[in-house]
Structures are given as C-alpha cells and as structure tokens.
Amino acid sequence: MVAADRSVGLWPKVEEIALFLLRIVCGFLLFQSGSMLHFGWPDAMPAGMAPAPGSQLWIGKWIEVVGGGLLLLGLGSRWVAFVLSGMMAVAYFQFHQPGGVWPAQNGGAAAVLMCFACLFLFAKGGGAWSLDSKLSKQPKADQADLP
C-alpha cells in the first residue's frame, strides 16, 4: 500500500518530463528540417532540390523553422502545434500518400507520427516547463498592487 502511494506522486512528474521532451524533440526536428533550406544547417539542401522562393514547399519550410522554434521555447504551443499538425497532414496526403496506400510503402511514417505528436501537443499544451506556463503565471500589472 505504501509503495502504491509513492508511485502516485511520481507519475505526474514523469508525465511532465515526457511532455517537455516530446515538445522539445518535435520542435527541434521541425526547426532542423526547415533550417536545412533557409540556413544550410545542419546541412544544406542538395542543389536542385531547393524549392523556389514563394512556393508551397518554401513556405512550409518557413513554417517549420518558425513553428519549430516556438515549440522549442514553448511559446504559443497549442496553436503552433495545431498549425504544424495540419501542415504535416497536408505533407503526408500531398507528397507521400500518392506513393502508396501505407506509410511504410510511401515513406510517410515520420510525417504521420509528427502530425499526431503535434495534435497531442495542441490538446495538452506546452506544459509546466514552457514560456506559455511562465507567462500565464505572472501577475497582471493592474493586479500586482492588490493584497
């Protein structure tokens, strides 16, 4: 009975750590994917594969850079994750799905997984270790003087 009581207190901490890690990893992977095109980091996109400025792919890579960066910080997490989830769904159906019915056939498993990870982050929010959380806990300027 005592061991069970101890484990109950542990799970909320484990859940918060897992949410933090999921948000950080998703944000970093998306930022990294977009930054290959726009910043040549960690590796430049191969010549001839870079989309034309203003094209759908080019805009999508900017969404990855900005959205991934915001997820890393945990700023606007819910809505950023919603936009990224939708972007990954479009990426799957537009670019992967025509290559085969199943994600294992068409190379779209990562897009599907990222879509649903971002959808989860939309539902759950940025967590306690996010800028969203820190900003929402600060007292309002007009309430700071109240007892």
C-alpha atoms as a PDB file:
ATOM      1  CA  MET A   1       0.000   0.000   0.000  1.00  0.00           C
ATOM      2  CA  VAL A   2       2.790   2.442   0.823  1.00  0.00           C
ATOM      3  CA  ALA A   3       4.622   1.698  -2.449  1.00  0.00           C
ATOM      4  CA  ALA A   4       1.429   2.402  -4.403  1.00  0.00           C
ATOM      5  CA  ASP A   5       1.017   5.760  -2.656  1.00  0.00           C
ATOM      6  CA  ARG A   6       4.581   6.711  -3.515  1.00  0.00           C
ATOM      7  CA  SER A   7       4.133   5.860  -7.199  1.00  0.00           C
ATOM      8  CA  VAL A   8       1.020   8.047  -7.471  1.00  0.00           C
ATOM      9  CA  GLY A   9       3.157  11.093  -6.657  1.00  0.00           C
ATOM     10  CA  LEU A  10       5.760  10.048  -9.223  1.00  0.00           C
ATOM     11  CA  TRP A  11       3.527   9.808 -12.312  1.00  0.00           C
ATOM     12  CA  PRO A  12       2.615  13.487 -12.630  1.00  0.00           C
ATOM     13  CA  LYS A  13       6.341  14.312 -12.615  1.00  0.00           C
ATOM     14  CA  VAL A  14       7.092  11.647 -15.214  1.00  0.00           C
ATOM     15  CA  GLU A  15       4.201  12.903 -17.357  1.00  0.00           C
ATOM     16  CA  GLU A  16       5.503  16.484 -17.195  1.00  0.00           C
ATOM     17  CA  ILE A  17       9.025  15.373 -18.148  1.00  0.00           C
ATOM     18  CA  ALA A  18       7.671  13.304 -21.057  1.00  0.00           C
ATOM     19  CA  LEU A  19       5.557  16.226 -22.298  1.00  0.00           C
ATOM     20  CA  PHE A  20       8.573  18.530 -22.091  1.00  0.00           C
ATOM     21  CA  LEU A  21      10.734  16.070 -24.034  1.00  0.00           C
ATOM     22  CA  LEU A  22       8.060  15.499 -26.684  1.00  0.00           C
ATOM     23  CA  ARG A  23       7.672  19.254 -27.204  1.00  0.00           C
ATOM     24  CA  ILE A  24      11.429  19.830 -27.386  1.00  0.00           C
ATOM     25  CA  VAL A  25      12.094  16.913 -29.758  1.00  0.00           C
ATOM     26  CA  CYS A  26       9.198  17.818 -32.087  1.00  0.00           C
ATOM     27  CA  GLY A  27      10.264  21.461 -32.131  1.00  0.00           C
ATOM     28  CA  PHE A  28      13.901  20.618 -32.773  1.00  0.00           C
ATOM     29  CA  LEU A  29      13.154  18.150 -35.577  1.00  0.00           C
ATOM     30  CA  LEU A  30      10.841  20.588 -37.336  1.00  0.00           C
ATOM     31  CA  PHE A  31      13.237  23.516 -36.888  1.00  0.00           C
ATOM     32  CA  GLN A  32      16.099  21.399 -38.209  1.00  0.00           C
ATOM     33  CA  SER A  33      14.108  20.299 -41.257  1.00  0.00           C
ATOM     34  CA  GLY A  34      13.218  23.862 -42.200  1.00  0.00           C
ATOM     35  CA  SER A  35      16.640  25.297 -41.390  1.00  0.00           C
ATOM     36  CA  MET A  36      18.314  22.988 -43.919  1.00  0.00           C
ATOM     37  CA  LEU A  37      16.724  25.028 -46.699  1.00  0.00           C
ATOM     38  CA  HIS A  38      16.825  28.512 -45.228  1.00  0.00           C
ATOM     39  CA  PHE A  39      20.079  28.464 -43.233  1.00  0.00           C
ATOM     40  CA  GLY A  40      22.022  25.471 -44.587  1.00  0.00           C
ATOM     41  CA  TRP A  41      22.075  23.938 -41.103  1.00  0.00           C
ATOM     42  CA  PRO A  42      22.859  21.244 -40.116  1.00  0.00           C
ATOM     43  CA  ASP A  43      23.477  20.523 -43.773  1.00  0.00           C
ATOM     44  CA  ALA A  44      22.495  22.456 -46.876  1.00  0.00           C
ATOM     45  CA  MET A  45      19.709  21.064 -49.020  1.00  0.00           C
ATOM     46  CA  PRO A  46      21.203  19.359 -52.111  1.00  0.00           C
ATOM     47  CA  ALA A  47      21.484  21.554 -55.188  1.00  0.00           C
ATOM     48  CA  GLY A  48      18.459  21.296 -57.430  1.00  0.00           C
ATOM     49  CA  MET A  49      16.203  20.137 -54.574  1.00  0.00           C
ATOM     50  CA  ALA A  50      15.622  23.559 -53.061  1.00  0.00           C
ATOM     51  CA  PRO A  51      12.099  24.822 -53.798  1.00  0.00           C
ATOM     52  CA  ALA A  52      11.556  28.165 -55.484  1.00  0.00           C
ATOM     53  CA  PRO A  53      11.007  31.127 -53.147  1.00  0.00           C
ATOM     54  CA  GLY A  54       7.307  31.662 -52.537  1.00  0.00           C
ATOM     55  CA  SER A  55       6.377  28.085 -53.461  1.00  0.00           C
ATOM     56  CA  GLN A  56       4.307  25.861 -51.184  1.00  0.00           C
ATOM     57  CA  LEU A  57       7.387  23.885 -50.081  1.00  0.00           C
ATOM     58  CA  TRP A  58       9.351  27.064 -49.405  1.00  0.00           C
ATOM     59  CA  ILE A  59       6.529  28.434 -47.237  1.00  0.00           C
ATOM     60  CA  GLY A  60       6.220  25.065 -45.493  1.00  0.00           C
ATOM     61  CA  LYS A  61       9.913  25.157 -44.590  1.00  0.00           C
ATOM     62  CA  TRP A  62       9.450  28.627 -43.062  1.00  0.00           C
ATOM     63  CA  ILE A  63       6.504  27.291 -41.066  1.00  0.00           C
ATOM     64  CA  GLU A  64       8.806  24.516 -39.822  1.00  0.00           C
ATOM     65  CA  VAL A  65      11.538  26.987 -38.826  1.00  0.00           C
ATOM     66  CA  VAL A  66       9.247  29.429 -37.016  1.00  0.00           C
ATOM     67  CA  GLY A  67       6.865  26.811 -35.600  1.00  0.00           C
ATOM     68  CA  GLY A  68       9.692  24.508 -34.532  1.00  0.00           C
ATOM     69  CA  GLY A  69      11.441  27.403 -32.801  1.00  0.00           C
ATOM     70  CA  LEU A  70       8.270  28.418 -30.993  1.00  0.00           C
ATOM     71  CA  LEU A  71       7.675  24.813 -29.877  1.00  0.00           C
ATOM     72  CA  LEU A  72      11.240  24.648 -28.556  1.00  0.00           C
ATOM     73  CA  LEU A  73      10.510  27.713 -26.435  1.00  0.00           C
ATOM     74  CA  GLY A  74       7.005  26.602 -25.540  1.00  0.00           C
ATOM     75  CA  LEU A  75       5.555  29.881 -26.780  1.00  0.00           C
ATOM     76  CA  GLY A  76       2.057  29.724 -28.266  1.00  0.00           C
ATOM     77  CA  SER A  77       2.400  25.964 -28.008  1.00  0.00           C
ATOM     78  CA  ARG A  78      -1.209  24.952 -28.558  1.00  0.00           C
ATOM     79  CA  TRP A  79      -1.850  26.976 -31.706  1.00  0.00           C
ATOM     80  CA  VAL A  80       1.613  26.463 -33.129  1.00  0.00           C
ATOM     81  CA  ALA A  81       1.176  22.708 -32.665  1.00  0.00           C
ATOM     82  CA  PHE A  82      -2.246  22.890 -34.341  1.00  0.00           C
ATOM     83  CA  VAL A  83      -0.776  24.618 -37.409  1.00  0.00           C
ATOM     84  CA  LEU A  84       2.162  22.189 -37.532  1.00  0.00           C
ATOM     85  CA  SER A  85      -0.162  19.195 -37.204  1.00  0.00           C
ATOM     86  CA  GLY A  86      -2.204  20.418 -40.150  1.00  0.00           C
ATOM     87  CA  MET A  87       0.922  21.124 -42.165  1.00  0.00           C
ATOM     88  CA  MET A  88       2.183  17.585 -41.576  1.00  0.00           C
ATOM     89  CA  ALA A  89      -1.206  16.135 -42.583  1.00  0.00           C
ATOM     90  CA  VAL A  90      -1.053  18.114 -45.837  1.00  0.00           C
ATOM     91  CA  ALA A  91       2.540  16.974 -46.380  1.00  0.00           C
ATOM     92  CA  TYR A  92       1.516  13.349 -45.950  1.00  0.00           C
ATOM     93  CA  PHE A  93      -1.533  13.411 -48.215  1.00  0.00           C
ATOM     94  CA  GLN A  94       0.006  15.627 -50.873  1.00  0.00           C
ATOM     95  CA  PHE A  95       3.527  14.225 -51.088  1.00  0.00           C
ATOM     96  CA  HIS A  96       3.611  10.763 -49.506  1.00  0.00           C
ATOM     97  CA  GLN A  97       0.199   9.156 -49.953  1.00  0.00           C
ATOM     98  CA  PRO A  98       0.321   9.175 -53.773  1.00  0.00           C
ATOM     99  CA  GLY A  99       3.355   6.858 -53.461  1.00  0.00           C
ATOM    100  CA  GLY A 100       1.336   4.070 -51.868  1.00  0.00           C
ATOM    101  CA  VAL A 101      -1.515   3.359 -49.505  1.00  0.00           C
ATOM    102  CA  TRP A 102       0.540   2.620 -46.381  1.00  0.00           C
ATOM    103  CA  PRO A 103       3.066   4.938 -44.698  1.00  0.00           C
ATOM    104  CA  ALA A 104       5.633   2.116 -44.702  1.00  0.00           C
ATOM    105  CA  GLN A 105       5.313   1.992 -48.515  1.00  0.00           C
ATOM    106  CA  ASN A 106       5.341   5.691 -49.257  1.00  0.00           C
ATOM    107  CA  GLY A 107       7.962   6.952 -46.790  1.00  0.00           C
ATOM    108  CA  GLY A 108       5.413   8.991 -44.847  1.00  0.00           C
ATOM    109  CA  ALA A 109       5.670   7.364 -41.415  1.00  0.00           C
ATOM    110  CA  ALA A 110       7.591  10.320 -39.962  1.00  0.00           C
ATOM    111  CA  ALA A 111       5.013  12.791 -41.298  1.00  0.00           C
ATOM    112  CA  VAL A 112       2.141  10.790 -39.774  1.00  0.00           C
ATOM    113  CA  LEU A 113       3.912  10.468 -36.435  1.00  0.00           C
ATOM    114  CA  MET A 114       4.783  14.180 -36.332  1.00  0.00           C
ATOM    115  CA  CYS A 115       1.199  15.074 -37.279  1.00  0.00           C
ATOM    116  CA  PHE A 116      -0.210  13.146 -34.326  1.00  0.00           C
ATOM    117  CA  ALA A 117       2.531  14.252 -31.912  1.00  0.00           C
ATOM    118  CA  CYS A 118       1.690  17.871 -32.741  1.00  0.00           C
ATOM    119  CA  LEU A 119      -2.012  17.114 -32.415  1.00  0.00           C
ATOM    120  CA  PHE A 120      -1.322  15.773 -28.914  1.00  0.00           C
ATOM    121  CA  LEU A 121       0.664  18.927 -28.073  1.00  0.00           C
ATOM    122  CA  PHE A 122      -2.297  21.005 -29.287  1.00  0.00           C
ATOM    123  CA  ALA A 123      -4.594  19.099 -26.916  1.00  0.00           C
ATOM    124  CA  LYS A 124      -2.199  19.088 -23.950  1.00  0.00           C
ATOM    125  CA  GLY A 125      -0.450  22.456 -24.266  1.00  0.00           C
ATOM    126  CA  GLY A 126       3.181  23.332 -23.670  1.00  0.00           C
ATOM    127  CA  GLY A 127       3.370  22.023 -20.129  1.00  0.00           C
ATOM    128  CA  ALA A 128       4.787  23.477 -16.937  1.00  0.00           C
ATOM    129  CA  TRP A 129       8.255  23.891 -18.449  1.00  0.00           C
ATOM    130  CA  SER A 130       7.251  26.260 -21.237  1.00  0.00           C
ATOM    131  CA  LEU A 131       7.214  30.003 -21.730  1.00  0.00           C
ATOM    132  CA  ASP A 132       3.428  29.751 -22.025  1.00  0.00           C
ATOM    133  CA  SER A 133       3.297  28.474 -18.454  1.00  0.00           C
ATOM    134  CA  LYS A 134       5.725  31.067 -17.126  1.00  0.00           C
ATOM    135  CA  LEU A 135       3.921  33.951 -18.825  1.00  0.00           C
ATOM    136  CA  SER A 136       0.468  32.857 -17.672  1.00  0.00           C
ATOM    137  CA  LYS A 137       1.575  32.695 -14.018  1.00  0.00           C
ATOM    138  CA  GLN A 138       2.887  36.258 -13.906  1.00  0.00           C
ATOM    139  CA  PRO A 139       0.585  38.734 -12.145  1.00  0.00           C
ATOM    140  CA  LYS A 140      -1.113  41.327 -14.314  1.00  0.00           C
ATOM    141  CA  ALA A 141       0.220  44.877 -13.939  1.00  0.00           C
ATOM    142  CA  ASP A 142      -3.100  46.171 -12.512  1.00  0.00           C
ATOM    143  CA  GLN A 143      -3.356  43.262 -10.055  1.00  0.00           C
ATOM    144  CA  ALA A 144       0.196  43.461  -8.718  1.00  0.00           C
ATOM    145  CA  ASP A 145      -0.769  46.015  -6.054  1.00  0.00           C
ATOM    146  CA  LEU A 146      -3.760  44.065  -4.750  1.00  0.00           C
ATOM    147  CA  PRO A 147      -3.321  42.295  -1.397  1.00  0.00           C
END
